N, C-alpha and C. Protein backbone atom coordinates (compact mmCIF):
# COMPACT_ATOMS: atom_id res chain seq x y z
N ASP A 1 0.80 18.45 -2.53
CA ASP A 1 0.24 17.26 -3.15
C ASP A 1 -0.67 16.56 -2.12
N TYR A 2 -1.93 16.41 -2.48
CA TYR A 2 -2.96 15.86 -1.59
C TYR A 2 -2.62 14.44 -1.13
N LYS A 3 -2.12 13.60 -2.03
CA LYS A 3 -1.79 12.21 -1.67
C LYS A 3 -0.61 12.15 -0.70
N LEU A 4 0.37 13.03 -0.87
CA LEU A 4 1.47 13.08 0.09
C LEU A 4 0.94 13.46 1.47
N TYR A 5 0.01 14.39 1.48
CA TYR A 5 -0.60 14.82 2.74
C TYR A 5 -1.34 13.66 3.41
N GLN A 6 -2.09 12.88 2.62
CA GLN A 6 -2.79 11.73 3.18
C GLN A 6 -1.82 10.68 3.71
N ASN A 7 -0.70 10.49 3.01
CA ASN A 7 0.32 9.56 3.51
C ASN A 7 0.88 10.03 4.85
N ALA A 8 1.13 11.33 4.96
CA ALA A 8 1.66 11.88 6.21
C ALA A 8 0.65 11.70 7.34
N ILE A 9 -0.62 11.96 7.06
CA ILE A 9 -1.67 11.78 8.08
C ILE A 9 -1.78 10.31 8.47
N THR A 10 -1.72 9.42 7.48
CA THR A 10 -1.78 7.98 7.77
C THR A 10 -0.64 7.57 8.70
N TYR A 11 0.56 8.05 8.39
CA TYR A 11 1.70 7.71 9.24
C TYR A 11 1.49 8.25 10.67
N VAL A 12 1.12 9.50 10.78
CA VAL A 12 0.96 10.12 12.10
C VAL A 12 -0.08 9.37 12.94
N LEU A 13 -1.18 8.97 12.34
CA LEU A 13 -2.24 8.31 13.10
C LEU A 13 -1.99 6.83 13.36
N MET A 14 -1.24 6.17 12.49
CA MET A 14 -1.06 4.73 12.63
C MET A 14 0.27 4.35 13.28
N ALA A 15 1.25 5.24 13.27
CA ALA A 15 2.56 4.93 13.84
C ALA A 15 2.51 4.98 15.36
N GLN A 16 3.53 4.41 15.97
CA GLN A 16 3.62 4.41 17.42
C GLN A 16 3.84 5.83 17.92
N GLY A 17 3.26 6.15 19.05
CA GLY A 17 3.40 7.47 19.64
C GLY A 17 2.06 8.17 19.71
N ILE A 18 2.07 9.36 20.24
CA ILE A 18 0.84 10.15 20.37
C ILE A 18 0.65 10.95 19.10
N PRO A 19 -0.43 10.69 18.35
CA PRO A 19 -0.62 11.41 17.09
C PRO A 19 -1.03 12.86 17.32
N ILE A 20 -0.55 13.74 16.47
CA ILE A 20 -0.92 15.15 16.54
C ILE A 20 -1.45 15.55 15.17
N ILE A 21 -2.69 16.01 15.15
CA ILE A 21 -3.30 16.55 13.94
C ILE A 21 -3.62 18.01 14.25
N TYR A 22 -3.15 18.90 13.43
CA TYR A 22 -3.38 20.32 13.69
C TYR A 22 -4.83 20.73 13.45
N TYR A 23 -5.28 21.66 14.27
CA TYR A 23 -6.60 22.27 14.17
C TYR A 23 -6.88 22.69 12.72
N GLY A 24 -7.99 22.25 12.18
CA GLY A 24 -8.39 22.63 10.83
C GLY A 24 -7.97 21.66 9.75
N THR A 25 -7.09 20.71 10.08
CA THR A 25 -6.67 19.72 9.06
C THR A 25 -7.88 18.98 8.53
N GLU A 26 -8.78 18.59 9.44
CA GLU A 26 -9.96 17.82 9.02
C GLU A 26 -10.91 18.64 8.16
N GLN A 27 -10.78 19.97 8.19
CA GLN A 27 -11.61 20.83 7.35
C GLN A 27 -10.84 21.31 6.11
N GLU A 28 -9.66 20.72 5.90
CA GLU A 28 -8.82 21.02 4.74
C GLU A 28 -8.36 22.47 4.71
N PHE A 29 -8.08 23.03 5.89
CA PHE A 29 -7.52 24.38 5.95
C PHE A 29 -6.14 24.37 5.31
N SER A 30 -5.80 25.42 4.63
CA SER A 30 -4.52 25.48 3.93
C SER A 30 -3.43 26.14 4.75
N GLY A 31 -3.78 26.86 5.81
CA GLY A 31 -2.77 27.48 6.66
C GLY A 31 -2.03 28.58 5.94
N GLY A 32 -0.76 28.72 6.23
CA GLY A 32 0.06 29.75 5.61
C GLY A 32 0.65 30.67 6.65
N ASN A 33 1.05 31.84 6.20
CA ASN A 33 1.64 32.83 7.09
C ASN A 33 0.55 33.55 7.88
N ASP A 34 0.97 34.20 8.94
CA ASP A 34 0.07 34.97 9.80
C ASP A 34 -0.69 36.01 8.97
N PRO A 35 -2.01 36.11 9.06
CA PRO A 35 -2.94 35.48 10.00
C PRO A 35 -3.59 34.21 9.45
N ASN A 36 -3.21 33.74 8.25
CA ASN A 36 -3.84 32.55 7.67
C ASN A 36 -3.55 31.28 8.44
N ASN A 37 -2.59 31.32 9.35
CA ASN A 37 -2.30 30.14 10.15
C ASN A 37 -3.26 29.97 11.32
N ARG A 38 -4.23 30.89 11.40
CA ARG A 38 -5.24 30.81 12.46
C ARG A 38 -6.64 30.95 11.86
N GLU A 39 -6.93 30.14 10.84
CA GLU A 39 -8.25 30.20 10.21
C GLU A 39 -9.33 29.85 11.22
N ILE A 40 -10.48 30.46 11.08
CA ILE A 40 -11.57 30.19 12.01
C ILE A 40 -12.37 28.98 11.53
N LEU A 41 -12.82 28.18 12.47
CA LEU A 41 -13.48 26.92 12.16
C LEU A 41 -14.96 27.06 11.86
N TRP A 42 -15.67 27.96 12.56
CA TRP A 42 -17.12 27.98 12.46
C TRP A 42 -17.68 28.26 11.07
N PRO A 43 -17.00 28.97 10.14
CA PRO A 43 -17.58 29.11 8.80
C PRO A 43 -17.69 27.79 8.03
N THR A 44 -16.98 26.75 8.48
CA THR A 44 -17.07 25.44 7.81
C THR A 44 -18.33 24.69 8.20
N SER A 45 -19.07 25.20 9.19
CA SER A 45 -20.24 24.52 9.75
C SER A 45 -19.85 23.16 10.33
N TYR A 46 -18.57 23.01 10.67
CA TYR A 46 -18.05 21.76 11.24
C TYR A 46 -18.40 20.57 10.34
N SER A 47 -18.11 20.72 9.07
CA SER A 47 -18.46 19.72 8.07
C SER A 47 -17.89 18.34 8.42
N THR A 48 -18.74 17.35 8.32
CA THR A 48 -18.31 15.96 8.52
C THR A 48 -18.41 15.18 7.22
N SER A 49 -18.55 15.89 6.11
CA SER A 49 -18.71 15.19 4.84
C SER A 49 -17.52 15.35 3.89
N ASN A 50 -16.53 16.16 4.25
CA ASN A 50 -15.41 16.29 3.31
C ASN A 50 -14.45 15.11 3.42
N ILE A 51 -13.60 14.96 2.44
CA ILE A 51 -12.75 13.78 2.32
C ILE A 51 -11.79 13.65 3.49
N LEU A 52 -11.08 14.71 3.85
CA LEU A 52 -10.10 14.59 4.93
C LEU A 52 -10.74 14.33 6.29
N TYR A 53 -11.90 14.90 6.54
CA TYR A 53 -12.59 14.62 7.81
C TYR A 53 -12.85 13.11 7.92
N ASN A 54 -13.41 12.52 6.86
CA ASN A 54 -13.73 11.09 6.89
C ASN A 54 -12.48 10.22 6.86
N PHE A 55 -11.45 10.66 6.16
CA PHE A 55 -10.18 9.94 6.11
C PHE A 55 -9.58 9.85 7.52
N ILE A 56 -9.49 10.98 8.20
CA ILE A 56 -8.94 11.03 9.56
C ILE A 56 -9.84 10.26 10.52
N SER A 57 -11.13 10.40 10.38
CA SER A 57 -12.08 9.71 11.24
C SER A 57 -11.93 8.19 11.14
N LEU A 58 -11.83 7.69 9.91
CA LEU A 58 -11.69 6.24 9.72
C LEU A 58 -10.37 5.74 10.30
N LEU A 59 -9.27 6.44 10.03
CA LEU A 59 -7.98 6.01 10.58
C LEU A 59 -8.01 6.00 12.10
N ASN A 60 -8.61 7.01 12.68
CA ASN A 60 -8.67 7.08 14.14
C ASN A 60 -9.54 5.97 14.71
N LYS A 61 -10.64 5.64 14.05
CA LYS A 61 -11.51 4.56 14.52
C LYS A 61 -10.81 3.21 14.42
N VAL A 62 -10.03 3.01 13.36
CA VAL A 62 -9.26 1.77 13.24
C VAL A 62 -8.22 1.71 14.35
N ARG A 63 -7.53 2.83 14.56
CA ARG A 63 -6.51 2.91 15.62
C ARG A 63 -7.11 2.50 16.96
N MET A 64 -8.31 2.98 17.25
CA MET A 64 -8.95 2.68 18.53
C MET A 64 -9.52 1.26 18.56
N SER A 65 -10.25 0.86 17.52
CA SER A 65 -10.90 -0.46 17.56
C SER A 65 -9.90 -1.60 17.53
N GLU A 66 -8.76 -1.40 16.90
CA GLU A 66 -7.73 -2.44 16.85
C GLU A 66 -6.72 -2.30 18.00
N ALA A 67 -6.95 -1.33 18.90
CA ALA A 67 -6.08 -1.07 20.06
C ALA A 67 -4.62 -0.94 19.64
N LEU A 68 -4.38 -0.19 18.57
CA LEU A 68 -3.02 -0.04 18.06
C LEU A 68 -2.11 0.63 19.07
N TYR A 69 -2.67 1.41 19.96
CA TYR A 69 -1.87 2.07 20.99
C TYR A 69 -1.17 1.07 21.90
N ASP A 70 -1.64 -0.18 21.93
CA ASP A 70 -1.02 -1.24 22.74
C ASP A 70 -0.10 -2.14 21.92
N GLN A 71 0.03 -1.88 20.64
CA GLN A 71 0.80 -2.75 19.75
C GLN A 71 2.12 -2.09 19.35
N PRO A 72 3.21 -2.84 19.35
CA PRO A 72 4.48 -2.26 18.89
C PRO A 72 4.45 -2.04 17.37
N GLN A 73 5.24 -1.10 16.93
CA GLN A 73 5.38 -0.84 15.49
C GLN A 73 6.57 -1.65 14.98
N ILE A 74 6.33 -2.49 13.98
CA ILE A 74 7.39 -3.34 13.42
C ILE A 74 7.56 -2.98 11.95
N GLN A 75 8.75 -2.55 11.58
CA GLN A 75 9.03 -2.21 10.18
C GLN A 75 9.00 -3.49 9.35
N ARG A 76 8.25 -3.46 8.24
CA ARG A 76 8.11 -4.63 7.39
C ARG A 76 8.81 -4.48 6.04
N TYR A 77 8.98 -3.23 5.58
CA TYR A 77 9.65 -2.98 4.29
C TYR A 77 10.01 -1.51 4.24
N ALA A 78 11.19 -1.21 3.70
CA ALA A 78 11.59 0.20 3.56
C ALA A 78 12.54 0.35 2.38
N ASP A 79 12.27 1.33 1.54
CA ASP A 79 13.20 1.76 0.50
C ASP A 79 12.98 3.25 0.27
N ASP A 80 13.52 3.80 -0.79
CA ASP A 80 13.45 5.25 -1.02
C ASP A 80 12.04 5.77 -1.27
N THR A 81 11.13 4.93 -1.76
CA THR A 81 9.79 5.40 -2.13
C THR A 81 8.65 4.65 -1.46
N PHE A 82 8.96 3.65 -0.64
CA PHE A 82 7.93 2.80 -0.04
C PHE A 82 8.32 2.47 1.39
N TYR A 83 7.36 2.57 2.30
CA TYR A 83 7.60 2.20 3.69
C TYR A 83 6.38 1.45 4.20
N ALA A 84 6.61 0.33 4.87
CA ALA A 84 5.51 -0.46 5.43
C ALA A 84 5.86 -0.91 6.84
N PHE A 85 4.83 -0.92 7.68
CA PHE A 85 4.99 -1.42 9.04
C PHE A 85 3.69 -2.06 9.48
N SER A 86 3.78 -2.82 10.56
CA SER A 86 2.57 -3.41 11.14
C SER A 86 2.50 -3.03 12.60
N ARG A 87 1.28 -3.06 13.09
CA ARG A 87 1.01 -2.91 14.52
C ARG A 87 -0.07 -3.95 14.81
N GLY A 88 0.32 -5.01 15.52
CA GLY A 88 -0.59 -6.12 15.69
C GLY A 88 -0.84 -6.77 14.34
N THR A 89 -2.11 -6.94 13.98
CA THR A 89 -2.44 -7.52 12.67
C THR A 89 -2.84 -6.45 11.66
N THR A 90 -2.58 -5.18 11.97
CA THR A 90 -2.85 -4.09 11.04
C THR A 90 -1.57 -3.77 10.29
N PHE A 91 -1.66 -3.72 8.97
CA PHE A 91 -0.50 -3.50 8.10
C PHE A 91 -0.68 -2.16 7.38
N VAL A 92 0.34 -1.31 7.45
CA VAL A 92 0.28 0.03 6.87
C VAL A 92 1.32 0.14 5.76
N ALA A 93 0.90 0.61 4.57
CA ALA A 93 1.80 0.81 3.43
C ALA A 93 1.73 2.27 3.00
N LEU A 94 2.90 2.90 2.89
CA LEU A 94 2.99 4.33 2.59
C LEU A 94 3.98 4.57 1.45
N THR A 95 3.84 5.72 0.82
CA THR A 95 4.79 6.10 -0.22
C THR A 95 5.01 7.61 -0.19
N ASN A 96 6.10 8.03 -0.77
CA ASN A 96 6.40 9.46 -0.88
C ASN A 96 6.44 9.93 -2.32
N VAL A 97 5.85 9.16 -3.25
CA VAL A 97 5.93 9.51 -4.67
C VAL A 97 4.89 10.55 -5.10
N GLY A 98 3.83 10.71 -4.34
CA GLY A 98 2.81 11.70 -4.68
C GLY A 98 1.87 11.24 -5.77
N SER A 99 0.91 12.09 -6.07
CA SER A 99 -0.17 11.74 -7.00
C SER A 99 0.27 11.73 -8.46
N ASN A 100 1.45 12.24 -8.77
CA ASN A 100 1.92 12.24 -10.16
C ASN A 100 2.52 10.90 -10.57
N SER A 101 2.66 9.98 -9.63
CA SER A 101 3.17 8.65 -9.92
C SER A 101 2.02 7.78 -10.43
N THR A 102 2.33 6.69 -11.08
CA THR A 102 1.27 5.77 -11.50
C THR A 102 1.10 4.71 -10.42
N GLN A 103 1.71 3.55 -10.59
CA GLN A 103 1.56 2.47 -9.61
C GLN A 103 2.94 2.00 -9.18
N ILE A 104 3.09 1.78 -7.89
CA ILE A 104 4.28 1.12 -7.39
C ILE A 104 3.82 -0.13 -6.66
N SER A 105 4.66 -1.15 -6.67
CA SER A 105 4.31 -2.39 -5.97
C SER A 105 5.54 -2.94 -5.27
N ARG A 106 5.29 -3.65 -4.21
CA ARG A 106 6.35 -4.30 -3.46
C ARG A 106 5.84 -5.66 -3.00
N THR A 107 6.76 -6.64 -2.98
CA THR A 107 6.45 -7.95 -2.44
C THR A 107 6.85 -7.95 -0.97
N ILE A 108 5.90 -8.23 -0.12
CA ILE A 108 6.12 -8.23 1.32
C ILE A 108 6.33 -9.67 1.78
N THR A 109 7.50 -9.94 2.33
CA THR A 109 7.81 -11.29 2.80
C THR A 109 7.93 -11.35 4.32
N TYR A 110 8.06 -10.22 4.97
CA TYR A 110 8.15 -10.15 6.43
C TYR A 110 6.88 -9.50 6.94
N HIS A 111 5.98 -10.30 7.50
CA HIS A 111 4.65 -9.83 7.90
C HIS A 111 4.09 -10.72 9.01
N PRO A 112 3.01 -10.29 9.65
CA PRO A 112 2.46 -11.05 10.78
C PRO A 112 1.38 -12.07 10.42
N TYR A 113 1.22 -12.41 9.15
CA TYR A 113 0.10 -13.25 8.71
C TYR A 113 0.55 -14.66 8.35
N SER A 114 -0.41 -15.57 8.40
CA SER A 114 -0.17 -16.96 8.00
C SER A 114 -0.68 -17.18 6.58
N THR A 115 -0.12 -18.18 5.91
CA THR A 115 -0.59 -18.54 4.58
C THR A 115 -2.08 -18.86 4.64
N GLY A 116 -2.83 -18.31 3.71
CA GLY A 116 -4.27 -18.52 3.65
C GLY A 116 -5.09 -17.43 4.29
N GLN A 117 -4.49 -16.61 5.15
CA GLN A 117 -5.23 -15.49 5.75
C GLN A 117 -5.49 -14.42 4.70
N THR A 118 -6.59 -13.71 4.88
CA THR A 118 -6.95 -12.62 3.97
C THR A 118 -6.90 -11.30 4.73
N ILE A 119 -6.31 -10.31 4.09
CA ILE A 119 -6.28 -8.96 4.64
C ILE A 119 -6.97 -8.03 3.66
N CYS A 120 -7.64 -7.00 4.19
CA CYS A 120 -8.41 -6.08 3.36
C CYS A 120 -8.04 -4.63 3.67
N ASN A 121 -8.01 -3.82 2.65
CA ASN A 121 -7.71 -2.40 2.76
C ASN A 121 -8.92 -1.68 3.36
N ILE A 122 -8.72 -0.91 4.42
CA ILE A 122 -9.84 -0.24 5.09
C ILE A 122 -10.55 0.77 4.19
N PHE A 123 -9.85 1.31 3.20
CA PHE A 123 -10.45 2.32 2.34
C PHE A 123 -11.32 1.71 1.25
N TYR A 124 -11.04 0.47 0.85
CA TYR A 124 -11.82 -0.25 -0.17
C TYR A 124 -11.94 -1.71 0.28
N PRO A 125 -12.65 -1.97 1.37
CA PRO A 125 -12.63 -3.31 1.98
C PRO A 125 -13.32 -4.40 1.19
N THR A 126 -14.12 -4.06 0.23
CA THR A 126 -14.75 -5.10 -0.59
C THR A 126 -14.04 -5.25 -1.93
N LEU A 127 -13.14 -4.33 -2.25
CA LEU A 127 -12.48 -4.35 -3.55
C LEU A 127 -10.99 -4.66 -3.47
N ASP A 128 -10.37 -4.44 -2.34
CA ASP A 128 -8.92 -4.56 -2.23
C ASP A 128 -8.56 -5.49 -1.08
N CYS A 129 -8.68 -6.78 -1.33
CA CYS A 129 -8.32 -7.80 -0.35
C CYS A 129 -7.22 -8.69 -0.94
N ILE A 130 -6.37 -9.16 -0.07
CA ILE A 130 -5.24 -10.00 -0.48
C ILE A 130 -5.27 -11.27 0.36
N THR A 131 -5.13 -12.41 -0.28
CA THR A 131 -4.98 -13.67 0.43
C THR A 131 -3.50 -14.02 0.42
N ILE A 132 -2.96 -14.29 1.59
CA ILE A 132 -1.53 -14.57 1.74
C ILE A 132 -1.25 -15.95 1.16
N ASN A 133 -0.34 -16.01 0.19
CA ASN A 133 0.05 -17.27 -0.44
C ASN A 133 1.57 -17.40 -0.39
N GLY A 134 2.05 -18.55 0.04
CA GLY A 134 3.48 -18.79 0.06
C GLY A 134 4.26 -17.83 0.94
N ASN A 135 3.62 -17.38 2.02
CA ASN A 135 4.26 -16.50 2.99
C ASN A 135 4.66 -15.13 2.44
N SER A 136 4.03 -14.71 1.35
CA SER A 136 4.29 -13.35 0.85
C SER A 136 3.03 -12.81 0.20
N PHE A 137 3.02 -11.50 0.00
CA PHE A 137 1.92 -10.87 -0.72
C PHE A 137 2.43 -9.61 -1.40
N GLU A 138 1.72 -9.19 -2.39
CA GLU A 138 2.08 -8.01 -3.19
C GLU A 138 1.18 -6.84 -2.78
N VAL A 139 1.80 -5.68 -2.54
CA VAL A 139 1.06 -4.46 -2.24
C VAL A 139 1.23 -3.51 -3.41
N TYR A 140 0.12 -3.00 -3.91
CA TYR A 140 0.11 -2.03 -5.01
C TYR A 140 -0.41 -0.70 -4.47
N LEU A 141 0.32 0.36 -4.70
CA LEU A 141 -0.13 1.70 -4.34
C LEU A 141 -0.30 2.49 -5.63
N ASP A 142 -1.52 2.92 -5.89
CA ASP A 142 -1.84 3.66 -7.11
C ASP A 142 -1.84 5.16 -6.87
N TYR A 143 -1.16 5.89 -7.71
CA TYR A 143 -1.17 7.36 -7.70
C TYR A 143 -0.87 7.95 -6.33
N GLY A 144 0.09 7.35 -5.63
CA GLY A 144 0.54 7.91 -4.36
C GLY A 144 -0.34 7.63 -3.16
N GLU A 145 -1.26 6.69 -3.26
CA GLU A 145 -2.16 6.42 -2.15
C GLU A 145 -1.45 5.71 -1.00
N SER A 146 -2.03 5.79 0.18
CA SER A 146 -1.59 4.98 1.32
C SER A 146 -2.65 3.90 1.52
N LYS A 147 -2.24 2.79 2.13
CA LYS A 147 -3.18 1.71 2.42
C LYS A 147 -2.98 1.21 3.83
N VAL A 148 -4.09 0.81 4.44
CA VAL A 148 -4.07 0.19 5.77
C VAL A 148 -4.88 -1.09 5.66
N TYR A 149 -4.23 -2.23 5.90
CA TYR A 149 -4.89 -3.52 5.80
C TYR A 149 -5.19 -4.09 7.18
N PHE A 150 -6.33 -4.75 7.31
CA PHE A 150 -6.71 -5.44 8.54
C PHE A 150 -6.94 -6.89 8.19
N LYS A 151 -6.85 -7.77 9.18
CA LYS A 151 -7.03 -9.19 8.97
C LYS A 151 -8.51 -9.54 8.98
N ARG A 152 -8.96 -10.20 7.93
CA ARG A 152 -10.33 -10.69 7.87
C ARG A 152 -10.41 -11.96 8.71
N ILE A 153 -11.51 -12.14 9.44
CA ILE A 153 -11.66 -13.30 10.30
C ILE A 153 -12.94 -14.06 9.96
N SER A 154 -13.01 -15.31 10.39
CA SER A 154 -14.22 -16.12 10.21
C SER A 154 -14.68 -16.63 11.56
N ILE A 155 -15.98 -16.59 11.78
CA ILE A 155 -16.57 -17.13 13.00
C ILE A 155 -17.72 -18.03 12.58
N ASP A 156 -17.62 -19.30 12.92
CA ASP A 156 -18.66 -20.29 12.60
C ASP A 156 -19.03 -20.24 11.11
N GLY A 157 -18.04 -20.12 10.25
CA GLY A 157 -18.30 -20.14 8.81
C GLY A 157 -18.70 -18.81 8.21
N TYR A 158 -18.94 -17.79 9.03
CA TYR A 158 -19.29 -16.46 8.52
C TYR A 158 -18.03 -15.60 8.49
N THR A 159 -17.86 -14.90 7.41
CA THR A 159 -16.70 -14.02 7.29
C THR A 159 -17.08 -12.64 7.79
N VAL A 160 -16.29 -12.13 8.71
CA VAL A 160 -16.50 -10.78 9.22
C VAL A 160 -15.16 -10.08 9.26
N GLN A 161 -15.18 -8.79 9.33
CA GLN A 161 -13.91 -8.07 9.37
C GLN A 161 -13.49 -7.74 10.79
N GLY A 162 -14.27 -8.06 11.77
CA GLY A 162 -13.94 -7.76 13.14
C GLY A 162 -14.62 -6.50 13.63
N TRP A 163 -14.97 -5.60 12.73
CA TRP A 163 -15.72 -4.39 13.06
C TRP A 163 -16.37 -3.88 11.79
N ILE A 164 -17.48 -3.20 11.96
CA ILE A 164 -18.22 -2.63 10.83
C ILE A 164 -18.16 -1.13 10.98
N GLU A 165 -17.97 -0.43 9.91
CA GLU A 165 -17.78 1.02 10.02
C GLU A 165 -18.27 1.74 8.76
N TYR A 166 -18.69 2.96 8.96
CA TYR A 166 -18.93 3.84 7.82
C TYR A 166 -17.59 4.37 7.36
N ILE A 167 -17.34 4.33 6.07
CA ILE A 167 -16.07 4.83 5.57
C ILE A 167 -16.28 5.77 4.40
N THR A 168 -15.24 6.49 4.07
CA THR A 168 -15.30 7.41 2.95
C THR A 168 -14.74 6.75 1.71
N ASP A 169 -15.43 6.86 0.62
CA ASP A 169 -14.88 6.49 -0.67
C ASP A 169 -13.98 7.66 -1.06
N CYS A 170 -12.68 7.44 -1.03
CA CYS A 170 -11.71 8.53 -1.20
C CYS A 170 -11.76 9.15 -2.59
N LEU A 171 -12.40 8.49 -3.54
CA LEU A 171 -12.48 9.06 -4.88
C LEU A 171 -13.65 10.02 -5.02
N THR A 172 -14.76 9.72 -4.38
CA THR A 172 -15.95 10.54 -4.56
C THR A 172 -16.33 11.34 -3.33
N GLY A 173 -15.77 10.96 -2.19
CA GLY A 173 -16.13 11.65 -0.95
C GLY A 173 -17.46 11.18 -0.39
N GLY A 174 -18.10 10.19 -1.03
CA GLY A 174 -19.37 9.67 -0.55
C GLY A 174 -19.19 8.70 0.59
N ILE A 175 -20.22 8.47 1.35
CA ILE A 175 -20.17 7.53 2.47
C ILE A 175 -20.89 6.26 2.05
N ARG A 176 -20.34 5.11 2.41
CA ARG A 176 -21.01 3.85 2.13
C ARG A 176 -20.82 2.92 3.31
N MET A 177 -21.71 1.99 3.49
CA MET A 177 -21.62 1.03 4.59
C MET A 177 -20.85 -0.18 4.10
N ILE A 178 -19.91 -0.64 4.88
CA ILE A 178 -19.14 -1.82 4.51
C ILE A 178 -19.22 -2.83 5.63
N SER A 179 -18.93 -4.08 5.29
CA SER A 179 -18.92 -5.08 6.34
C SER A 179 -17.67 -5.92 6.22
N ASP A 180 -17.65 -6.86 5.30
CA ASP A 180 -16.47 -7.71 5.18
C ASP A 180 -15.94 -7.64 3.75
N CYS A 181 -14.85 -8.35 3.51
CA CYS A 181 -14.20 -8.27 2.19
C CYS A 181 -15.06 -8.81 1.07
N SER A 182 -16.02 -9.65 1.37
CA SER A 182 -16.88 -10.19 0.33
C SER A 182 -18.13 -9.35 0.12
N GLY A 183 -18.31 -8.32 0.95
CA GLY A 183 -19.47 -7.46 0.82
C GLY A 183 -20.67 -7.94 1.62
N ASN A 184 -20.52 -9.04 2.35
CA ASN A 184 -21.62 -9.58 3.13
C ASN A 184 -21.72 -8.87 4.47
N LEU A 185 -22.92 -8.52 4.86
CA LEU A 185 -23.15 -7.87 6.15
C LEU A 185 -23.69 -8.92 7.11
N SER A 186 -22.78 -9.64 7.77
CA SER A 186 -23.24 -10.67 8.69
C SER A 186 -23.36 -10.13 10.10
N GLY A 187 -22.44 -9.26 10.49
CA GLY A 187 -22.51 -8.64 11.80
C GLY A 187 -22.11 -9.56 12.94
N ILE A 188 -21.80 -10.79 12.67
CA ILE A 188 -21.43 -11.73 13.72
C ILE A 188 -20.10 -11.32 14.32
N GLY A 189 -20.07 -11.08 15.60
CA GLY A 189 -18.85 -10.69 16.29
C GLY A 189 -18.39 -9.29 15.95
N ALA A 190 -19.20 -8.54 15.26
CA ALA A 190 -18.79 -7.21 14.83
C ALA A 190 -19.10 -6.17 15.91
N HIS A 191 -18.33 -5.14 15.92
CA HIS A 191 -18.53 -4.02 16.85
C HIS A 191 -18.78 -2.79 16.03
N ILE A 192 -19.91 -2.18 16.18
CA ILE A 192 -20.22 -0.95 15.44
C ILE A 192 -19.71 0.21 16.28
N CYS A 193 -18.74 0.95 15.73
CA CYS A 193 -18.12 2.07 16.45
C CYS A 193 -19.05 3.28 16.48
């Protein structure tokens, strides 16, 4: 199940510790028994346009730009089908239900944010933002997706996300430029990776 695989990759890259991604994962190699467990890379032309390449690239860039390697991992919610943790002001929500599920949601009451702060999903930063109200927020995971939220910030009245990045639209595999949760490209205080 592709969504389960993305959840596993999200956990590996965002959780505390040294992440390990196997050779060929970014090229969507399927592996298998010998000799299929040693697929050759060069026939892929080192594609940088497929979904998993961009998915892994974005997670790794967030990990680096937010200095997650210096942040402790704090469990925020856990049950049989949903797991959430934070590292600094980055919030990660995962599930094990796979793509055959519809939508699951959880109310998060233990988190690192203040009332009124806005957090945005790195995969859909202009479409999936949450403003913290009453010290809690609701996380919705559709069809087994994982989500990684970052804190939106304001500088001198301009809203920025703290960094600007090219990301993959996980539904179409296309690349689009994003800036902040409102779609404005202000660039103030932003770091282009």
